[in-house]
Amino acid sequence: MPDLRLRVRKTYKLFIGGAFPRSESGRTYLVDGDNIALASRKDARDAVVAARKAQPGWAGATAYNRGQVLYRIAEMLEARRAEFVACGVPEAEVDAAVDRWVWYAGWSDKIAQVHGGANPVAGPYFNISAPEPTGVVGVVAPASFLGLVSVIAPAVVTGNTVVVLAAAPQAAITLAEVIATSDVPGGVVNILTGAAAETAPWLASHDDVNAIDLTGVTDPELAAEWERSAAGSLKRVLRPPAGGIDFAAEPGLTPMTALLETKTVWHPKGF
């Protein structure tokens, strides 16, 4: 064996449909000396196709099953915590991210009971309001790791699939590696790295994206521009919170209910 060897450096690729392809454009950029795939418009379209293909099956899974899958993500994240610390994520933030996955896993089979209900009506009918997922959600993620988890978890636990534009690529793709080994069906979570200013407009205007979460956008003018782009396809838009957001605080139900539709079902009594 030679005394000296050239270390194999990791290239952080995209995460689309459960696989780790390079950008179709072949472009990369450097972050802290690491080679990162630079996503293109075509990569964004491919990610939307993967998310749309996966959405019916994920939405049709039982809430109990989705909770199990999210809990598995927490287990795998706990086991690989050292990799996130090596990416520069503080240990306390990794702990909080693990706890956040567990918190949302616990809500998987409860959110429908809290957000839905049986309605009194003037007739011999059952009238039930049942929450359903919005569909495919585009997400411009915050830079913090806990922020990234805090925008992905509420979307997927309620049966949506996501295309995420990540701001911190090393931690985001390491999270993708955790997700890929956690029983998450391919296409439920898709993560793109690169310049959000390049790919976000295509997500905002894409006809097959049902909602866009702009929580991670720090430029008000860009947020307004992408909101206008989303209006053309009547997309639901989650605006960036005024004054920022404390991701360490308990998130409450709003991140989940903001990405749910309500279906009302009538059924006659006595049959």
C-alpha atoms as a PDB file:
ATOM      1  CA  MET A   1       0.000   0.000   0.000  1.00  0.00           C
ATOM      2  CA  PRO A   2       1.391   3.455  -0.824  1.00  0.00           C
ATOM      3  CA  ASP A   3       2.148   5.691   2.145  1.00  0.00           C
ATOM      4  CA  LEU A   4       0.345   8.591   0.531  1.00  0.00           C
ATOM      5  CA  ARG A   5      -2.970   8.496  -1.251  1.00  0.00           C
ATOM      6  CA  LEU A   6      -5.263  11.081  -2.779  1.00  0.00           C
ATOM      7  CA  ARG A   7      -8.371  11.424  -0.642  1.00  0.00           C
ATOM      8  CA  VAL A   8     -11.646  10.879  -2.520  1.00  0.00           C
ATOM      9  CA  ARG A   9     -13.574  14.070  -2.012  1.00  0.00           C
ATOM     10  CA  LYS A  10     -17.326  14.007  -1.883  1.00  0.00           C
ATOM     11  CA  THR A  11     -19.374  15.761  -4.541  1.00  0.00           C
ATOM     12  CA  TYR A  12     -22.763  16.857  -3.217  1.00  0.00           C
ATOM     13  CA  LYS A  13     -25.301  15.977  -5.928  1.00  0.00           C
ATOM     14  CA  LEU A  14     -29.001  16.676  -6.277  1.00  0.00           C
ATOM     15  CA  PHE A  15     -31.716  14.461  -4.745  1.00  0.00           C
ATOM     16  CA  ILE A  16     -34.497  13.734  -7.232  1.00  0.00           C
ATOM     17  CA  GLY A  17     -36.898  10.789  -7.223  1.00  0.00           C
ATOM     18  CA  GLY A  18     -34.887   8.960  -4.560  1.00  0.00           C
ATOM     19  CA  ALA A  19     -31.665   9.111  -6.613  1.00  0.00           C
ATOM     20  CA  PHE A  20     -28.620  11.396  -6.524  1.00  0.00           C
ATOM     21  CA  PRO A  21     -28.068  12.673 -10.074  1.00  0.00           C
ATOM     22  CA  ARG A  22     -25.656  15.389 -11.104  1.00  0.00           C
ATOM     23  CA  SER A  23     -27.181  18.531 -12.573  1.00  0.00           C
ATOM     24  CA  GLU A  24     -28.212  17.912 -16.180  1.00  0.00           C
ATOM     25  CA  SER A  25     -26.279  21.075 -17.031  1.00  0.00           C
ATOM     26  CA  GLY A  26     -23.090  19.587 -15.599  1.00  0.00           C
ATOM     27  CA  ARG A  27     -22.519  22.771 -13.599  1.00  0.00           C
ATOM     28  CA  THR A  28     -21.075  22.820 -10.102  1.00  0.00           C
ATOM     29  CA  TYR A  29     -19.946  25.446  -7.607  1.00  0.00           C
ATOM     30  CA  LEU A  30     -17.727  25.484  -4.550  1.00  0.00           C
ATOM     31  CA  VAL A  31     -18.871  25.932  -0.954  1.00  0.00           C
ATOM     32  CA  ASP A  32     -16.134  25.761   1.691  1.00  0.00           C
ATOM     33  CA  GLY A  33     -14.019  23.782  -0.756  1.00  0.00           C
ATOM     34  CA  ASP A  34     -16.778  21.226  -1.464  1.00  0.00           C
ATOM     35  CA  ASN A  35     -18.052  20.612  -4.976  1.00  0.00           C
ATOM     36  CA  ILE A  36     -21.845  21.206  -5.124  1.00  0.00           C
ATOM     37  CA  ALA A  37     -24.223  20.496  -8.018  1.00  0.00           C
ATOM     38  CA  LEU A  38     -25.753  23.684  -9.441  1.00  0.00           C
ATOM     39  CA  ALA A  39     -29.383  22.889 -10.272  1.00  0.00           C
ATOM     40  CA  SER A  40     -30.901  24.154 -13.498  1.00  0.00           C
ATOM     41  CA  ARG A  41     -34.427  24.841 -14.756  1.00  0.00           C
ATOM     42  CA  LYS A  42     -34.490  21.310 -16.236  1.00  0.00           C
ATOM     43  CA  ASP A  43     -33.535  19.817 -12.848  1.00  0.00           C
ATOM     44  CA  ALA A  44     -36.418  21.727 -11.243  1.00  0.00           C
ATOM     45  CA  ARG A  45     -38.830  20.326 -13.838  1.00  0.00           C
ATOM     46  CA  ASP A  46     -37.512  16.785 -13.288  1.00  0.00           C
ATOM     47  CA  ALA A  47     -37.982  17.197  -9.531  1.00  0.00           C
ATOM     48  CA  VAL A  48     -41.591  18.333 -10.020  1.00  0.00           C
ATOM     49  CA  VAL A  49     -42.279  15.299 -12.235  1.00  0.00           C
ATOM     50  CA  ALA A  50     -40.850  13.002  -9.535  1.00  0.00           C
ATOM     51  CA  ALA A  51     -42.855  14.724  -6.802  1.00  0.00           C
ATOM     52  CA  ARG A  52     -46.088  14.549  -8.811  1.00  0.00           C
ATOM     53  CA  LYS A  53     -45.568  10.846  -9.547  1.00  0.00           C
ATOM     54  CA  ALA A  54     -44.995  10.049  -5.862  1.00  0.00           C
ATOM     55  CA  GLN A  55     -47.793  12.206  -4.435  1.00  0.00           C
ATOM     56  CA  PRO A  56     -50.858   9.903  -4.859  1.00  0.00           C
ATOM     57  CA  GLY A  57     -49.122   6.934  -3.253  1.00  0.00           C
ATOM     58  CA  TRP A  58     -47.755   9.013  -0.365  1.00  0.00           C
ATOM     59  CA  ALA A  59     -51.117  10.697   0.244  1.00  0.00           C
ATOM     60  CA  GLY A  60     -52.791   7.286   0.111  1.00  0.00           C
ATOM     61  CA  ALA A  61     -50.501   5.784   2.739  1.00  0.00           C
ATOM     62  CA  THR A  62     -52.043   5.520   6.168  1.00  0.00           C
ATOM     63  CA  ALA A  63     -51.276   8.290   8.630  1.00  0.00           C
ATOM     64  CA  TYR A  64     -49.800   5.631  10.908  1.00  0.00           C
ATOM     65  CA  ASN A  65     -47.395   4.570   8.154  1.00  0.00           C
ATOM     66  CA  ARG A  66     -46.315   8.144   7.428  1.00  0.00           C
ATOM     67  CA  GLY A  67     -45.643   8.597  11.134  1.00  0.00           C
ATOM     68  CA  GLN A  68     -43.489   5.475  11.175  1.00  0.00           C
ATOM     69  CA  VAL A  69     -41.479   6.750   8.216  1.00  0.00           C
ATOM     70  CA  LEU A  70     -40.884  10.146   9.854  1.00  0.00           C
ATOM     71  CA  TYR A  71     -39.810   8.425  13.056  1.00  0.00           C
ATOM     72  CA  ARG A  72     -37.362   6.343  11.011  1.00  0.00           C
ATOM     73  CA  ILE A  73     -35.877   9.586   9.645  1.00  0.00           C
ATOM     74  CA  ALA A  74     -35.321  10.712  13.244  1.00  0.00           C
ATOM     75  CA  GLU A  75     -33.604   7.409  14.046  1.00  0.00           C
ATOM     76  CA  MET A  76     -31.270   7.641  11.062  1.00  0.00           C
ATOM     77  CA  LEU A  77     -30.533  11.309  11.722  1.00  0.00           C
ATOM     78  CA  GLU A  78     -29.593  10.458  15.296  1.00  0.00           C
ATOM     79  CA  ALA A  79     -27.281   7.682  14.073  1.00  0.00           C
ATOM     80  CA  ARG A  80     -25.524   9.991  11.601  1.00  0.00           C
ATOM     81  CA  ARG A  81     -25.358  13.077  13.792  1.00  0.00           C
ATOM     82  CA  ALA A  82     -21.541  13.296  13.484  1.00  0.00           C
ATOM     83  CA  GLU A  83     -21.854  13.916   9.734  1.00  0.00           C
ATOM     84  CA  PHE A  84     -24.041  16.971  10.352  1.00  0.00           C
ATOM     85  CA  VAL A  85     -21.683  18.310  12.989  1.00  0.00           C
ATOM     86  CA  ALA A  86     -18.879  17.905  10.425  1.00  0.00           C
ATOM     87  CA  CYS A  87     -20.991  20.031   8.034  1.00  0.00           C
ATOM     88  CA  GLY A  88     -20.973  22.831  10.606  1.00  0.00           C
ATOM     89  CA  VAL A  89     -24.360  22.208  12.221  1.00  0.00           C
ATOM     90  CA  PRO A  90     -24.166  22.763  16.020  1.00  0.00           C
ATOM     91  CA  GLU A  91     -24.845  19.621  18.054  1.00  0.00           C
ATOM     92  CA  ALA A  92     -27.767  21.283  19.852  1.00  0.00           C
ATOM     93  CA  GLU A  93     -29.357  22.057  16.486  1.00  0.00           C
ATOM     94  CA  VAL A  94     -28.976  18.430  15.348  1.00  0.00           C
ATOM     95  CA  ASP A  95     -30.700  17.356  18.583  1.00  0.00           C
ATOM     96  CA  ALA A  96     -33.503  19.832  17.949  1.00  0.00           C
ATOM     97  CA  ALA A  97     -33.893  18.576  14.366  1.00  0.00           C
ATOM     98  CA  VAL A  98     -34.199  14.960  15.561  1.00  0.00           C
ATOM     99  CA  ASP A  99     -36.820  16.041  18.089  1.00  0.00           C
ATOM    100  CA  ARG A 100     -38.656  17.978  15.376  1.00  0.00           C
ATOM    101  CA  TRP A 101     -39.019  14.852  13.199  1.00  0.00           C
ATOM    102  CA  VAL A 102     -40.323  12.911  16.211  1.00  0.00           C
ATOM    103  CA  TRP A 103     -42.773  15.728  17.036  1.00  0.00           C
ATOM    104  CA  TYR A 104     -44.252  15.693  13.539  1.00  0.00           C
ATOM    105  CA  ALA A 105     -44.269  11.863  13.466  1.00  0.00           C
ATOM    106  CA  GLY A 106     -46.513  11.987  16.513  1.00  0.00           C
ATOM    107  CA  TRP A 107     -48.935  14.335  14.759  1.00  0.00           C
ATOM    108  CA  SER A 108     -49.369  12.109  11.709  1.00  0.00           C
ATOM    109  CA  ASP A 109     -52.471  10.290  13.021  1.00  0.00           C
ATOM    110  CA  LYS A 110     -53.846  13.174  15.074  1.00  0.00           C
ATOM    111  CA  ILE A 111     -53.949  16.177  12.755  1.00  0.00           C
ATOM    112  CA  ALA A 112     -57.065  14.913  10.944  1.00  0.00           C
ATOM    113  CA  GLN A 113     -58.910  14.582  14.275  1.00  0.00           C
ATOM    114  CA  VAL A 114     -57.944  18.098  15.349  1.00  0.00           C
ATOM    115  CA  HIS A 115     -58.382  19.841  11.997  1.00  0.00           C
ATOM    116  CA  GLY A 116     -61.363  17.825  10.701  1.00  0.00           C
ATOM    117  CA  GLY A 117     -64.716  17.058  12.289  1.00  0.00           C
ATOM    118  CA  ALA A 118     -68.363  16.070  12.038  1.00  0.00           C
ATOM    119  CA  ASN A 119     -70.681  19.000  11.264  1.00  0.00           C
ATOM    120  CA  PRO A 120     -74.305  19.369  12.490  1.00  0.00           C
ATOM    121  CA  VAL A 121     -76.685  19.678   9.528  1.00  0.00           C
ATOM    122  CA  ALA A 122     -80.445  20.153   9.163  1.00  0.00           C
ATOM    123  CA  GLY A 123     -81.215  16.742   7.707  1.00  0.00           C
ATOM    124  CA  PRO A 124     -80.704  12.979   8.110  1.00  0.00           C
ATOM    125  CA  TYR A 125     -77.103  13.075   6.944  1.00  0.00           C
ATOM    126  CA  PHE A 126     -73.607  12.691   8.249  1.00  0.00           C
ATOM    127  CA  ASN A 127     -71.545  15.718   7.200  1.00  0.00           C
ATOM    128  CA  ILE A 128     -67.829  15.292   7.687  1.00  0.00           C
ATOM    129  CA  SER A 129     -64.968  17.719   7.029  1.00  0.00           C
ATOM    130  CA  ALA A 130     -61.787  15.807   6.252  1.00  0.00           C
ATOM    131  CA  PRO A 131     -58.359  17.419   5.648  1.00  0.00           C
ATOM    132  CA  GLU A 132     -56.472  16.360   2.536  1.00  0.00           C
ATOM    133  CA  PRO A 133     -52.993  17.237   1.269  1.00  0.00           C
ATOM    134  CA  THR A 134     -52.584  20.145  -1.128  1.00  0.00           C
ATOM    135  CA  GLY A 135     -50.339  18.152  -3.486  1.00  0.00           C
ATOM    136  CA  VAL A 136     -46.868  19.139  -4.683  1.00  0.00           C
ATOM    137  CA  VAL A 137     -45.241  21.909  -2.640  1.00  0.00           C
ATOM    138  CA  GLY A 138     -42.251  23.969  -3.756  1.00  0.00           C
ATOM    139  CA  VAL A 139     -40.148  25.126  -0.805  1.00  0.00           C
ATOM    140  CA  VAL A 140     -37.493  27.830  -0.622  1.00  0.00           C
ATOM    141  CA  ALA A 141     -35.770  26.617   2.535  1.00  0.00           C
ATOM    142  CA  PRO A 142     -34.167  28.692   5.289  1.00  0.00           C
ATOM    143  CA  ALA A 143     -30.399  28.547   5.749  1.00  0.00           C
ATOM    144  CA  SER A 144     -30.465  26.863   9.167  1.00  0.00           C
ATOM    145  CA  PHE A 145     -30.623  23.084   9.438  1.00  0.00           C
ATOM    146  CA  LEU A 146     -33.473  23.190  11.945  1.00  0.00           C
ATOM    147  CA  GLY A 147     -35.275  25.580   9.606  1.00  0.00           C
ATOM    148  CA  LEU A 148     -34.821  23.131   6.723  1.00  0.00           C
ATOM    149  CA  VAL A 149     -36.333  20.275   8.754  1.00  0.00           C
ATOM    150  CA  SER A 150     -39.094  22.594   9.988  1.00  0.00           C
ATOM    151  CA  VAL A 151     -40.331  23.270   6.441  1.00  0.00           C
ATOM    152  CA  ILE A 152     -40.009  19.725   5.058  1.00  0.00           C
ATOM    153  CA  ALA A 153     -41.543  17.737   7.942  1.00  0.00           C
ATOM    154  CA  PRO A 154     -44.967  19.487   8.169  1.00  0.00           C
ATOM    155  CA  ALA A 155     -45.432  19.262   4.412  1.00  0.00           C
ATOM    156  CA  VAL A 156     -44.725  15.539   4.099  1.00  0.00           C
ATOM    157  CA  VAL A 157     -46.432  14.379   7.298  1.00  0.00           C
ATOM    158  CA  THR A 158     -49.729  15.671   5.889  1.00  0.00           C
ATOM    159  CA  GLY A 159     -49.322  13.726   2.634  1.00  0.00           C
ATOM    160  CA  ASN A 160     -47.753  16.355   0.387  1.00  0.00           C
ATOM    161  CA  THR A 161     -44.585  15.851  -1.641  1.00  0.00           C
ATOM    162  CA  VAL A 162     -41.931  18.565  -1.837  1.00  0.00           C
ATOM    163  CA  VAL A 163     -39.320  20.092  -4.116  1.00  0.00           C
ATOM    164  CA  VAL A 164     -36.896  21.924  -1.836  1.00  0.00           C
ATOM    165  CA  LEU A 165     -34.441  24.632  -2.883  1.00  0.00           C
ATOM    166  CA  ALA A 166     -31.770  24.297  -0.184  1.00  0.00           C
ATOM    167  CA  ALA A 167     -29.725  27.218   1.090  1.00  0.00           C
ATOM    168  CA  ALA A 168     -27.089  25.191   3.005  1.00  0.00           C
ATOM    169  CA  PRO A 169     -26.163  22.470   0.484  1.00  0.00           C
ATOM    170  CA  GLN A 170     -23.881  20.160   2.486  1.00  0.00           C
ATOM    171  CA  ALA A 171     -26.304  19.691   5.381  1.00  0.00           C
ATOM    172  CA  ALA A 172     -29.283  19.477   2.995  1.00  0.00           C
ATOM    173  CA  ILE A 173     -27.786  16.716   0.837  1.00  0.00           C
ATOM    174  CA  THR A 174     -26.577  14.866   3.940  1.00  0.00           C
ATOM    175  CA  LEU A 175     -30.197  15.024   5.117  1.00  0.00           C
ATOM    176  CA  ALA A 176     -31.196  13.654   1.701  1.00  0.00           C
ATOM    177  CA  GLU A 177     -28.890  10.694   2.345  1.00  0.00           C
ATOM    178  CA  VAL A 178     -30.684  10.133   5.654  1.00  0.00           C
ATOM    179  CA  ILE A 179     -34.077  10.329   3.935  1.00  0.00           C
ATOM    180  CA  ALA A 180     -32.957   7.922   1.197  1.00  0.00           C
ATOM    181  CA  THR A 181     -32.255   5.265   3.858  1.00  0.00           C
ATOM    182  CA  SER A 182     -35.388   5.872   5.935  1.00  0.00           C
ATOM    183  CA  ASP A 183     -38.149   4.093   3.979  1.00  0.00           C
ATOM    184  CA  VAL A 184     -39.270   7.358   2.366  1.00  0.00           C
ATOM    185  CA  PRO A 185     -40.630   6.504  -1.114  1.00  0.00           C
ATOM    186  CA  GLY A 186     -38.619   8.041  -3.941  1.00  0.00           C
ATOM    187  CA  GLY A 187     -39.975  11.410  -5.058  1.00  0.00           C
ATOM    188  CA  VAL A 188     -41.654  12.350  -1.767  1.00  0.00           C
ATOM    189  CA  VAL A 189     -38.729  14.640  -0.905  1.00  0.00           C
ATOM    190  CA  ASN A 190     -36.615  16.184  -3.662  1.00  0.00           C
ATOM    191  CA  ILE A 191     -33.746  18.564  -2.858  1.00  0.00           C
ATOM    192  CA  LEU A 192     -32.035  20.941  -5.272  1.00  0.00           C
ATOM    193  CA  THR A 193     -28.888  22.922  -4.540  1.00  0.00           C
ATOM    194  CA  GLY A 194     -27.650  26.068  -6.231  1.00  0.00           C
ATOM    195  CA  ALA A 195     -29.105  29.521  -6.742  1.00  0.00           C
ATOM    196  CA  ALA A 196     -32.728  29.860  -5.638  1.00  0.00           C
ATOM    197  CA  ALA A 197     -32.969  33.038  -7.716  1.00  0.00           C
ATOM    198  CA  GLU A 198     -32.439  30.851 -10.789  1.00  0.00           C
ATOM    199  CA  THR A 199     -34.784  27.933 -10.019  1.00  0.00           C
ATOM    200  CA  ALA A 200     -37.472  29.420  -7.744  1.00  0.00           C
ATOM    201  CA  PRO A 201     -39.232  31.394 -10.538  1.00  0.00           C
ATOM    202  CA  TRP A 202     -39.821  28.132 -12.428  1.00  0.00           C
ATOM    203  CA  LEU A 203     -41.256  26.448  -9.365  1.00  0.00           C
ATOM    204  CA  ALA A 204     -43.457  29.463  -8.646  1.00  0.00           C
ATOM    205  CA  SER A 205     -44.942  29.476 -12.143  1.00  0.00           C
ATOM    206  CA  HIS A 206     -45.041  25.703 -12.726  1.00  0.00           C
ATOM    207  CA  ASP A 207     -48.606  24.515 -13.389  1.00  0.00           C
ATOM    208  CA  ASP A 208     -47.998  21.184 -11.632  1.00  0.00           C
ATOM    209  CA  VAL A 209     -46.908  22.745  -8.330  1.00  0.00           C
ATOM    210  CA  ASN A 210     -49.895  23.343  -6.026  1.00  0.00           C
ATOM    211  CA  ALA A 211     -48.291  25.525  -3.360  1.00  0.00           C
ATOM    212  CA  ILE A 212     -45.054  27.345  -2.700  1.00  0.00           C
ATOM    213  CA  ASP A 213     -43.512  27.992   0.695  1.00  0.00           C
ATOM    214  CA  LEU A 214     -41.305  31.111   0.693  1.00  0.00           C
ATOM    215  CA  THR A 215     -40.252  30.833   4.349  1.00  0.00           C
ATOM    216  CA  GLY A 216     -36.548  30.919   3.467  1.00  0.00           C
ATOM    217  CA  VAL A 217     -36.702  34.012   1.244  1.00  0.00           C
ATOM    218  CA  THR A 218     -34.939  36.976   2.852  1.00  0.00           C
ATOM    219  CA  ASP A 219     -35.337  39.475  -0.004  1.00  0.00           C
ATOM    220  CA  PRO A 220     -38.855  41.031   0.100  1.00  0.00           C
ATOM    221  CA  GLU A 221     -38.695  42.050  -3.559  1.00  0.00           C
ATOM    222  CA  LEU A 222     -37.890  38.496  -4.668  1.00  0.00           C
ATOM    223  CA  ALA A 223     -40.662  37.116  -2.455  1.00  0.00           C
ATOM    224  CA  ALA A 224     -43.168  39.533  -4.007  1.00  0.00           C
ATOM    225  CA  GLU A 225     -41.977  38.682  -7.525  1.00  0.00           C
ATOM    226  CA  TRP A 226     -42.327  34.927  -6.942  1.00  0.00           C
ATOM    227  CA  GLU A 227     -45.734  35.428  -5.333  1.00  0.00           C
ATOM    228  CA  ARG A 228     -46.865  37.240  -8.471  1.00  0.00           C
ATOM    229  CA  SER A 229     -45.492  34.359 -10.575  1.00  0.00           C
ATOM    230  CA  ALA A 230     -47.494  31.898  -8.460  1.00  0.00           C
ATOM    231  CA  ALA A 231     -50.714  33.864  -8.984  1.00  0.00           C
ATOM    232  CA  GLY A 232     -50.858  32.812 -12.632  1.00  0.00           C
ATOM    233  CA  SER A 233     -51.583  29.207 -11.659  1.00  0.00           C
ATOM    234  CA  LEU A 234     -53.653  30.061  -8.550  1.00  0.00           C
ATOM    235  CA  LYS A 235     -51.040  28.543  -6.266  1.00  0.00           C
ATOM    236  CA  ARG A 236     -51.240  28.708  -2.516  1.00  0.00           C
ATOM    237  CA  VAL A 237     -48.369  30.879  -1.239  1.00  0.00           C
ATOM    238  CA  LEU A 238     -46.833  30.793   2.237  1.00  0.00           C
ATOM    239  CA  ARG A 239     -45.171  34.183   2.611  1.00  0.00           C
ATOM    240  CA  PRO A 240     -41.903  34.611   4.530  1.00  0.00           C
ATOM    241  CA  PRO A 241     -42.802  35.557   8.117  1.00  0.00           C
ATOM    242  CA  ALA A 242     -42.386  39.229   8.956  1.00  0.00           C
ATOM    243  CA  GLY A 243     -39.531  39.704  11.404  1.00  0.00           C
ATOM    244  CA  GLY A 244     -38.179  36.194  10.884  1.00  0.00           C
ATOM    245  CA  ILE A 245     -39.123  33.011  12.688  1.00  0.00           C
ATOM    246  CA  ASP A 246     -37.784  31.269  15.786  1.00  0.00           C
ATOM    247  CA  PHE A 247     -37.424  27.684  14.616  1.00  0.00           C
ATOM    248  CA  ALA A 248     -36.420  26.548  18.104  1.00  0.00           C
ATOM    249  CA  ALA A 249     -39.908  27.369  19.402  1.00  0.00           C
ATOM    250  CA  GLU A 250     -42.719  24.808  19.209  1.00  0.00           C
ATOM    251  CA  PRO A 251     -44.129  25.235  15.706  1.00  0.00           C
ATOM    252  CA  GLY A 252     -47.794  24.657  16.490  1.00  0.00           C
ATOM    253  CA  LEU A 253     -50.274  23.361  13.927  1.00  0.00           C
ATOM    254  CA  THR A 254     -50.108  26.179  11.366  1.00  0.00           C
ATOM    255  CA  PRO A 255     -47.205  24.735   9.297  1.00  0.00           C
ATOM    256  CA  MET A 256     -49.317  21.585   8.782  1.00  0.00           C
ATOM    257  CA  THR A 257     -52.769  23.127   8.324  1.00  0.00           C
ATOM    258  CA  ALA A 258     -51.397  25.717   5.885  1.00  0.00           C
ATOM    259  CA  LEU A 259     -50.778  22.893   3.415  1.00  0.00           C
ATOM    260  CA  LEU A 260     -54.103  21.085   3.819  1.00  0.00           C
ATOM    261  CA  GLU A 261     -57.348  21.326   1.871  1.00  0.00           C
ATOM    262  CA  THR A 262     -60.680  20.473   3.465  1.00  0.00           C
ATOM    263  CA  LYS A 263     -63.042  18.039   1.761  1.00  0.00           C
ATOM    264  CA  THR A 264     -66.651  17.882   2.963  1.00  0.00           C
ATOM    265  CA  VAL A 265     -68.447  14.541   2.642  1.00  0.00           C
ATOM    266  CA  TRP A 266     -72.197  13.966   2.926  1.00  0.00           C
ATOM    267  CA  HIS A 267     -73.615  10.525   3.706  1.00  0.00           C
ATOM    268  CA  PRO A 268     -77.245   9.610   4.451  1.00  0.00           C
ATOM    269  CA  LYS A 269     -78.044   8.167   7.858  1.00  0.00           C
ATOM    270  CA  GLY A 270     -79.907   4.880   8.230  1.00  0.00           C
ATOM    271  CA  PHE A 271     -78.437   3.052   5.200  1.00  0.00           C
END
